[in-house]
Protein backbone atom coordinates (compact mmCIF):
# COMPACT_ATOMS: atom_id res chain seq x y z
CA MET A 1 -5.40 -14.18 21.61
CA LYS A 2 -4.67 -10.73 20.24
CA ILE A 3 -1.37 -10.19 18.49
CA ARG A 4 0.82 -7.80 20.43
CA LEU A 5 1.81 -4.96 18.09
CA GLY A 6 4.52 -2.33 18.17
CA MET A 7 4.71 0.69 15.86
CA ILE A 8 7.65 2.55 14.41
CA GLY A 9 6.71 6.03 13.16
CA GLY A 10 3.18 7.40 13.07
CA GLY A 11 3.56 10.02 15.78
CA THR A 12 1.15 12.83 16.58
CA GLY A 13 0.12 14.57 13.37
CA SER A 14 0.92 11.60 11.15
CA PHE A 15 -1.77 10.75 8.59
CA ILE A 16 -0.79 7.17 7.87
CA GLY A 17 0.05 6.24 11.45
CA ALA A 18 -3.50 6.95 12.57
CA VAL A 19 -4.84 4.93 9.63
CA HIS A 20 -2.71 1.92 10.58
CA ARG A 21 -3.83 2.09 14.20
CA LYS A 22 -7.51 2.18 13.25
CA ALA A 23 -7.06 -0.62 10.73
CA ALA A 24 -5.25 -2.77 13.27
CA ALA A 25 -7.99 -2.25 15.87
CA ILE A 26 -11.14 -2.61 13.82
CA ASP A 27 -11.43 -6.42 13.93
CA GLY A 28 -9.81 -6.89 17.33
CA HIS A 29 -6.91 -9.04 16.11
CA PHE A 30 -4.14 -6.69 17.30
CA ASP A 31 -3.32 -4.89 20.52
CA LEU A 32 -0.97 -1.91 20.16
CA ILE A 33 1.19 -2.01 23.29
CA SER A 34 4.49 -0.45 22.27
CA GLY A 35 6.02 2.11 19.96
CA SER A 36 8.78 4.42 18.88
CA PHE A 37 6.56 6.93 17.18
CA SER A 38 9.02 9.63 16.11
CA SER A 39 12.71 10.43 15.72
CA ASP A 40 11.89 13.20 18.22
CA ALA A 41 11.81 11.44 21.59
CA GLN A 42 9.44 14.01 23.06
CA ILE A 43 6.89 13.46 20.28
CA SER A 44 7.23 9.70 20.71
CA ARG A 45 6.46 9.92 24.41
CA GLN A 46 3.62 12.38 23.79
CA THR A 47 2.05 10.02 21.24
CA GLY A 48 2.34 7.08 23.59
CA ALA A 49 0.61 9.08 26.33
CA GLU A 50 -2.19 10.10 23.96
CA LEU A 51 -2.71 6.44 23.07
CA GLY A 52 -2.75 5.40 26.72
CA LEU A 53 0.29 3.14 26.46
CA ASP A 54 2.51 2.09 29.34
CA PRO A 55 5.33 4.72 29.37
CA GLN A 56 7.83 1.88 29.86
CA ARG A 57 6.84 0.49 26.46
CA VAL A 58 7.26 3.80 24.61
CA TYR A 59 10.79 4.28 23.33
CA ASP A 60 13.01 7.13 22.16
CA THR A 61 14.41 5.19 19.19
CA PHE A 62 13.33 2.19 17.17
CA GLU A 63 16.64 0.48 17.97
CA GLN A 64 15.92 0.79 21.68
CA MET A 65 12.42 -0.53 21.15
CA LEU A 66 13.46 -3.61 19.16
CA ASP A 67 16.37 -4.48 21.45
CA THR A 68 14.32 -4.07 24.63
CA GLU A 69 11.18 -5.79 23.39
CA SER A 70 13.07 -8.80 22.02
CA ALA A 71 14.69 -9.29 25.45
CA LEU A 72 11.33 -9.48 27.25
CA PRO A 73 9.72 -12.84 28.09
CA ALA A 74 7.89 -14.37 25.14
CA GLU A 75 4.48 -13.86 26.72
CA ARG A 76 5.10 -10.10 27.13
CA ARG A 77 7.10 -8.96 24.13
CA ILE A 78 5.54 -7.62 20.97
CA GLN A 79 4.97 -10.14 18.18
CA ALA A 80 4.66 -7.87 15.14
CA VAL A 81 5.82 -4.41 14.13
CA ALA A 82 4.08 -1.83 11.94
CA VAL A 83 6.60 0.39 10.11
CA VAL A 84 4.86 3.62 9.07
CA THR A 85 7.78 5.97 8.49
CA PRO A 86 8.66 7.98 5.36
CA ASN A 87 10.20 5.88 2.59
CA HIS A 88 13.86 6.51 3.46
CA LEU A 89 13.27 5.00 6.91
CA HIS A 90 11.59 1.77 5.77
CA ALA A 91 14.57 -0.54 5.30
CA GLY A 92 16.49 -0.02 8.55
CA PRO A 93 13.62 -0.62 11.01
CA THR A 94 12.11 -3.41 8.89
CA ILE A 95 15.34 -5.38 8.56
CA MET A 96 16.13 -4.94 12.25
CA ALA A 97 12.61 -6.05 13.24
CA LEU A 98 12.88 -9.17 11.07
CA ASN A 99 16.33 -9.96 12.47
CA HIS A 100 14.90 -9.68 16.00
CA GLY A 101 12.21 -12.24 15.17
CA PHE A 102 9.24 -9.95 14.60
CA ASP A 103 6.75 -10.10 11.74
CA VAL A 104 6.30 -6.79 9.91
CA ILE A 105 3.48 -4.73 8.43
CA LEU A 106 5.11 -2.17 6.15
CA ASP A 107 3.63 0.87 4.49
CA LYS A 108 4.15 1.14 0.74
CA PRO A 109 6.24 1.67 -1.30
CA MET A 110 8.44 -1.05 0.12
CA ALA A 111 11.62 1.00 0.38
CA PHE A 112 13.63 4.01 -0.73
CA SER A 113 15.12 2.04 -3.65
CA LEU A 114 14.99 -1.35 -5.35
CA GLN A 115 18.32 -2.22 -3.73
CA GLU A 116 16.89 -1.58 -0.26
CA ALA A 117 13.78 -3.60 -1.14
CA GLN A 118 16.01 -6.52 -2.14
CA GLN A 119 17.81 -6.23 1.21
CA ILE A 120 14.45 -6.40 2.99
CA LYS A 121 13.47 -9.48 0.98
CA ALA A 122 16.79 -11.17 1.83
CA ALA A 123 16.30 -10.44 5.55
CA LEU A 124 12.72 -11.73 5.33
CA GLN A 125 13.80 -15.01 3.76
CA GLN A 126 16.59 -15.48 6.30
CA SER A 127 14.31 -14.70 9.26
CA GLY A 128 11.46 -17.01 8.29
CA ARG A 129 8.99 -14.31 9.35
CA LEU A 130 6.06 -12.80 7.41
CA LEU A 131 5.72 -9.33 5.90
CA ALA A 132 2.58 -7.54 4.66
CA LEU A 133 2.64 -4.44 2.47
CA THR A 134 -0.30 -2.04 2.70
CA HIS A 135 -1.45 -1.66 -0.90
CA THR A 136 -4.84 -0.58 0.42
CA TYR A 137 -6.95 -0.84 -2.73
CA ALA A 138 -6.40 -4.60 -2.91
CA GLY A 139 -8.38 -4.77 0.34
CA TYR A 140 -11.71 -3.60 -1.10
CA PRO A 141 -14.31 -6.39 -1.40
CA MET A 142 -15.39 -5.40 -4.91
CA VAL A 143 -11.77 -5.29 -6.08
CA LYS A 144 -11.50 -8.86 -4.82
CA GLU A 145 -14.71 -9.73 -6.67
CA ALA A 146 -13.29 -8.29 -9.89
CA ARG A 147 -10.14 -10.35 -9.40
CA HIS A 148 -12.23 -13.46 -8.77
CA LEU A 149 -14.34 -12.98 -11.90
CA ILE A 150 -11.24 -12.62 -14.07
CA ALA A 151 -9.50 -15.58 -12.44
CA GLN A 152 -12.61 -17.69 -13.09
CA GLY A 153 -12.49 -16.78 -16.79
CA LYS A 154 -15.72 -14.77 -16.92
CA LEU A 155 -14.11 -12.15 -19.20
CA GLY A 156 -12.14 -14.69 -21.23
CA GLN A 157 -8.75 -13.72 -22.62
CA ILE A 158 -7.79 -10.26 -21.31
CA HIS A 159 -7.19 -7.69 -24.05
CA LYS A 160 -7.01 -4.23 -22.46
CA ILE A 161 -6.32 -2.70 -19.02
CA TYR A 162 -6.80 0.93 -18.02
CA VAL A 163 -5.86 2.13 -14.54
CA GLU A 164 -5.76 5.69 -13.27
CA TYR A 165 -5.08 7.48 -10.02
CA PRO A 166 -5.85 11.23 -10.16
CA GLN A 167 -5.19 13.58 -7.24
CA GLY A 168 -5.11 17.37 -7.13
CA TRP A 169 -3.56 18.23 -3.78
CA LEU A 170 -0.13 19.07 -5.25
CA SER A 171 -1.42 21.21 -8.11
CA ARG A 172 0.21 24.18 -6.37
CA PHE A 173 3.60 24.52 -4.69
CA ILE A 174 2.84 23.92 -1.01
CA GLU A 175 5.83 21.95 0.23
CA GLN A 176 7.89 24.94 1.40
CA ARG A 177 5.11 27.26 2.51
CA ALA A 178 5.38 26.40 6.19
CA LYS A 179 9.13 27.07 6.18
CA GLU A 180 8.66 30.38 4.40
CA GLN A 181 6.21 31.43 7.11
CA GLY A 182 8.74 30.53 9.79
CA VAL A 183 6.53 27.95 11.50
CA LYS A 184 6.85 24.21 12.03
CA GLU A 185 5.71 21.94 9.19
CA GLN A 186 2.19 20.78 9.84
CA GLY A 187 -0.93 19.43 8.16
CA GLY A 188 -0.80 19.16 4.40
CA GLN A 189 2.54 20.93 4.20
CA LYS A 190 4.19 18.23 6.30
CA GLN A 191 2.99 15.55 3.91
CA ALA A 192 4.03 17.57 0.86
CA ASN A 193 7.47 18.29 2.30
CA TRP A 194 8.60 14.69 2.58
CA ARG A 195 6.65 13.24 -0.35
CA THR A 196 8.31 15.67 -2.77
CA ASP A 197 11.78 15.43 -1.23
CA PRO A 198 14.11 13.01 -3.09
CA THR A 199 16.18 12.47 0.07
CA ARG A 200 13.13 11.10 1.88
CA ALA A 201 10.72 9.84 -0.79
CA GLY A 202 13.24 8.31 -3.19
CA ALA A 203 13.76 8.83 -6.90
CA GLY A 204 10.04 8.80 -7.71
CA GLY A 205 7.50 11.35 -6.49
CA CYS A 206 4.04 10.79 -7.89
CA ILE A 207 4.99 7.38 -9.32
CA GLY A 208 6.30 6.18 -5.96
CA ASP A 209 3.44 7.60 -3.91
CA ILE A 210 0.42 6.66 -6.03
CA GLY A 211 1.76 5.20 -9.27
CA THR A 212 2.81 2.05 -7.41
CA HIS A 213 -0.79 1.70 -6.17
CA ALA A 214 -2.07 1.88 -9.75
CA ALA A 215 0.47 -0.64 -11.05
CA HIS A 216 -0.24 -3.04 -8.19
CA LEU A 217 -3.98 -2.76 -8.74
CA ALA A 218 -3.60 -3.56 -12.45
CA GLU A 219 -1.55 -6.67 -11.72
CA TYR A 220 -3.62 -7.77 -8.71
CA VAL A 221 -7.00 -7.61 -10.44
CA SER A 222 -5.91 -8.92 -13.84
CA GLY A 223 -3.58 -11.61 -12.51
CA LEU A 224 -1.08 -10.49 -15.15
CA LYS A 225 2.36 -8.97 -14.69
CA ILE A 226 3.48 -5.84 -16.51
CA THR A 227 6.48 -6.80 -18.64
CA GLN A 228 7.26 -3.55 -20.48
CA LEU A 229 6.24 0.07 -20.37
CA CYS A 230 6.67 3.29 -22.28
CA ALA A 231 6.52 6.18 -19.83
CA GLU A 232 6.50 9.93 -19.59
CA LEU A 233 7.12 11.71 -16.29
CA ASN A 234 6.48 15.39 -15.74
CA THR A 235 7.10 17.94 -13.03
CA ARG A 236 4.36 20.46 -13.72
CA VAL A 237 4.74 22.69 -10.67
CA SER A 238 7.74 25.01 -10.85
CA GLY A 239 10.34 24.43 -8.13
CA ARG A 240 9.22 20.89 -7.31
CA LEU A 241 12.06 18.37 -7.05
CA LEU A 242 10.22 15.19 -8.08
CA ASP A 243 7.65 14.17 -10.67
CA ASP A 244 4.04 15.11 -9.94
CA ASP A 245 2.48 13.72 -13.15
CA ALA A 246 3.01 10.41 -14.94
CA ALA A 247 1.57 8.26 -17.70
CA ALA A 248 2.61 5.03 -19.38
CA LEU A 249 1.64 2.58 -22.07
CA LEU A 250 1.82 -0.94 -20.66
CA ARG A 251 2.46 -4.42 -22.02
CA PHE A 252 1.35 -7.46 -20.00
CA GLU A 253 2.69 -11.00 -20.02
CA ASN A 254 -0.21 -12.43 -22.08
CA GLY A 255 0.21 -9.78 -24.79
CA ALA A 256 -2.55 -7.51 -23.46
CA THR A 257 -1.87 -3.77 -23.55
CA GLY A 258 -2.83 -1.05 -21.13
CA VAL A 259 -2.62 2.56 -20.05
CA LEU A 260 -1.62 3.86 -16.61
CA VAL A 261 -2.15 7.45 -15.48
CA ALA A 262 -1.04 8.77 -12.09
CA THR A 263 -1.12 12.48 -11.35
CA GLN A 264 -1.15 14.73 -8.32
CA VAL A 265 -1.80 17.95 -10.25
CA ALA A 266 -5.37 17.23 -11.39
CA ALA A 267 -6.89 20.14 -9.44
CA GLY A 268 -10.33 19.31 -8.07
CA GLU A 269 -9.74 15.54 -7.97
CA ASP A 270 -9.70 13.83 -4.61
CA ASN A 271 -8.66 10.19 -4.79
CA ASN A 272 -10.72 8.49 -7.48
CA VAL A 273 -8.66 5.43 -8.26
CA ARG A 274 -10.27 3.65 -11.21
CA ILE A 275 -9.62 0.43 -13.12
CA ARG A 276 -11.21 -0.98 -16.26
CA ILE A 277 -10.33 -4.38 -17.70
CA TYR A 278 -11.70 -5.80 -20.94
CA GLY A 279 -11.56 -9.35 -22.26
CA GLU A 280 -13.04 -11.24 -25.17
CA HIS A 281 -16.40 -11.77 -23.40
CA GLY A 282 -16.80 -8.50 -21.49
CA GLY A 283 -15.30 -6.02 -19.06
CA ILE A 284 -15.30 -4.84 -15.47
CA GLU A 285 -15.01 -1.37 -13.98
CA TRP A 286 -14.33 -0.31 -10.39
CA ALA A 287 -13.95 3.25 -9.11
CA HIS A 288 -13.00 4.42 -5.64
CA GLN A 289 -15.76 7.03 -5.50
CA ASP A 290 -18.31 4.18 -5.55
CA ALA A 291 -16.13 1.52 -3.95
CA ASN A 292 -19.06 -0.70 -2.99
CA SER A 293 -20.09 -1.24 -6.61
CA LEU A 294 -18.54 -3.21 -9.46
CA GLN A 295 -19.74 -2.74 -13.03
CA VAL A 296 -19.77 -5.92 -15.11
CA LYS A 297 -20.22 -5.31 -18.84
CA MET A 298 -20.73 -8.51 -20.81
CA LEU A 299 -20.84 -8.60 -24.58
CA ASP A 300 -24.45 -8.38 -25.86
CA GLN A 301 -25.87 -8.20 -22.32
CA PRO A 302 -27.22 -5.33 -20.23
CA LEU A 303 -24.88 -3.62 -17.78
CA GLN A 304 -24.78 -5.41 -14.41
CA ILE A 305 -23.87 -3.75 -11.13
CA TYR A 306 -22.62 -5.99 -8.34
CA ARG A 307 -22.93 -4.60 -4.82
CA ALA A 308 -20.80 -5.26 -1.75
CA GLY A 309 -22.32 -7.61 0.82
CA ALA A 310 -24.72 -9.31 -1.59
CA GLY A 311 -25.10 -13.07 -1.30
CA TYR A 312 -24.29 -13.72 -4.96
CA LEU A 313 -20.68 -12.56 -4.55
CA SER A 314 -17.66 -14.82 -4.27
CA GLN A 315 -16.26 -15.96 -0.95
CA ALA A 316 -13.22 -13.78 -1.67
CA ALA A 317 -15.44 -10.68 -1.53
CA LEU A 318 -17.77 -11.81 1.25
CA SER A 319 -14.96 -12.83 3.61
CA ASN A 320 -13.60 -9.27 3.38
CA THR A 321 -16.97 -7.60 4.06
CA ARG A 322 -18.29 -6.81 7.53
CA LEU A 323 -21.73 -5.33 6.85
CA PRO A 324 -24.89 -6.45 5.03
CA ALA A 325 -25.60 -5.22 1.52
CA GLY A 326 -26.56 -1.55 1.42
CA HIS A 327 -24.28 -0.59 4.29
CA PRO A 328 -21.18 0.99 2.74
CA GLU A 329 -17.66 0.20 3.84
CA GLY A 330 -14.63 2.27 2.90
CA TYR A 331 -10.94 3.00 3.15
CA ILE A 332 -10.34 2.06 6.79
CA GLU A 333 -12.17 -1.25 6.33
CA ALA A 334 -10.15 -2.05 3.19
CA PHE A 335 -6.96 -1.24 5.08
CA ALA A 336 -8.18 -3.43 7.95
CA ASN A 337 -8.65 -6.37 5.57
CA ILE A 338 -4.90 -6.42 5.02
CA TYR A 339 -4.31 -6.42 8.78
CA SER A 340 -6.94 -9.13 9.35
CA ASN A 341 -5.66 -11.41 6.61
CA PHE A 342 -2.14 -10.92 7.95
CA ALA A 343 -3.35 -11.78 11.46
CA ARG A 344 -4.91 -14.98 10.14
CA ALA A 345 -1.55 -15.96 8.62
CA LEU A 346 0.31 -15.16 11.86
CA ASN A 347 -2.12 -17.18 13.95
CA ASP A 348 -1.89 -20.13 11.57
CA CYS A 349 1.90 -19.95 11.79
CA SER A 350 1.64 -19.99 15.57
CA ASN A 351 -0.76 -22.95 15.44
CA LYS A 352 1.38 -24.72 12.81
CA THR A 353 -1.54 -24.73 10.35
CA PHE A 354 -0.07 -22.22 7.88
CA THR A 355 -0.60 -23.34 4.29
CA CYS A 356 0.95 -21.05 1.63
CA LEU A 357 1.22 -17.28 1.35
CA GLN A 358 -1.25 -17.03 -1.55
CA ASP A 359 -4.05 -18.43 0.63
CA TYR A 360 -4.03 -15.35 2.87
CA ASP A 361 -4.53 -12.66 0.22
CA PHE A 362 -2.42 -9.77 1.44
CA PRO A 363 0.28 -7.89 -0.52
CA SER A 364 3.71 -9.23 0.36
CA ALA A 365 7.38 -8.54 -0.29
CA ASP A 366 7.14 -9.87 -3.84
CA GLU A 367 4.61 -7.18 -4.71
CA GLY A 368 6.83 -4.65 -2.97
CA LEU A 369 9.79 -5.63 -5.12
CA ARG A 370 7.69 -5.31 -8.26
CA GLY A 371 6.60 -1.85 -7.13
CA MET A 372 10.20 -0.70 -6.79
CA ALA A 373 11.12 -2.26 -10.15
CA PHE A 374 8.14 -0.40 -11.65
CA ILE A 375 9.48 2.93 -10.33
CA ASP A 376 12.91 2.22 -11.80
CA ALA A 377 11.42 1.25 -15.17
CA MET A 378 9.26 4.39 -15.26
CA LEU A 379 12.29 6.56 -14.53
CA ALA A 380 14.43 4.79 -17.12
CA SER A 381 11.74 4.90 -19.79
CA SER A 382 11.01 8.59 -19.28
CA THR A 383 14.60 9.50 -20.18
CA SER A 384 15.16 6.85 -22.84
CA THR A 385 15.00 7.27 -26.61
CA GLU A 386 13.72 3.68 -26.89
CA LYS A 387 9.99 3.14 -27.02
CA TRP A 388 9.81 0.20 -24.59
CA THR A 389 11.56 -0.41 -21.25
CA ALA A 390 11.46 -3.82 -19.59
CA ILE A 391 10.62 -4.27 -15.90
CA ASN A 392 13.65 -6.21 -14.75
CA LEU A 393 12.40 -8.46 -11.99
């Protein structure tokens, strides 16, 4: 049976809402039947009509949606909620959904602040429900293969971790252009407006938007937690209210060191997330621009290139691949892996065969809390005279 899904946010013109809907649909595990797609009731109803939903299941507010849906018979009401709003609207809908007995798929970062993230975690624990966080890059098969190789000890003791996330779309001041022209915010300007607004994005700009992806990727692949960092945050574009450029030296729990770079002012760069990890026996390298390949560099051996879909890969990689080798998969499929693994957990809960959260391999509230603690540590370090700042979580 498909899991009945409702969505909060993601109305017409939303980038991430459309991504969530495609990811939810791709493997047929979810059926989107309800939504409150915008704080503007007209846009919410318009989006519902465009998606072909029953008008009675499209709501003007998320409160109305959650109250009404929870009162429906069990066989009709939604079972899970996707929250795809800007950061400042994560906590309220998520906590209310959990309190109404719904499982939640939440866009990252987890919340507007660490305090709100802790409130979400408390509500999650009290509700007994499940929550998935969409750190998309953990969904790529070759990222999972890299994680598997390190967990199996192929690289030996980890010594060095480099992770970078360069973008160039904010290399110019675009967030107010639409307002200056006297027209409604739209397209890229709409995204820039809220992602650079501290009242909607939170205290971190670049570090909250893409720096949390980089930090999560470093911890997910290596299996090691960042314990301390030494950071520098910059706002390179005049008039911008939040950071658009960040870098940090990292210390990991086994004593390994690393470097993290996240920037949105690298003009000409698209989205080439990249991670390199080196141990005593060799290293691995994965880059988003060739997401179906993983470079394995063993000491005193020729370079090896592992390819997605190949039979020699681990079950962790193969179970998150849909196509044979040579047929590339990408961002939507990686996003869909989070939805599919979450669906497997929900179905096992329903069938009373759920084992433990780690067996389902999707980012959860714990990773979300670490992401928010990472933002706080980056902010504290960038203004501190001390070299190292601990991540307090």
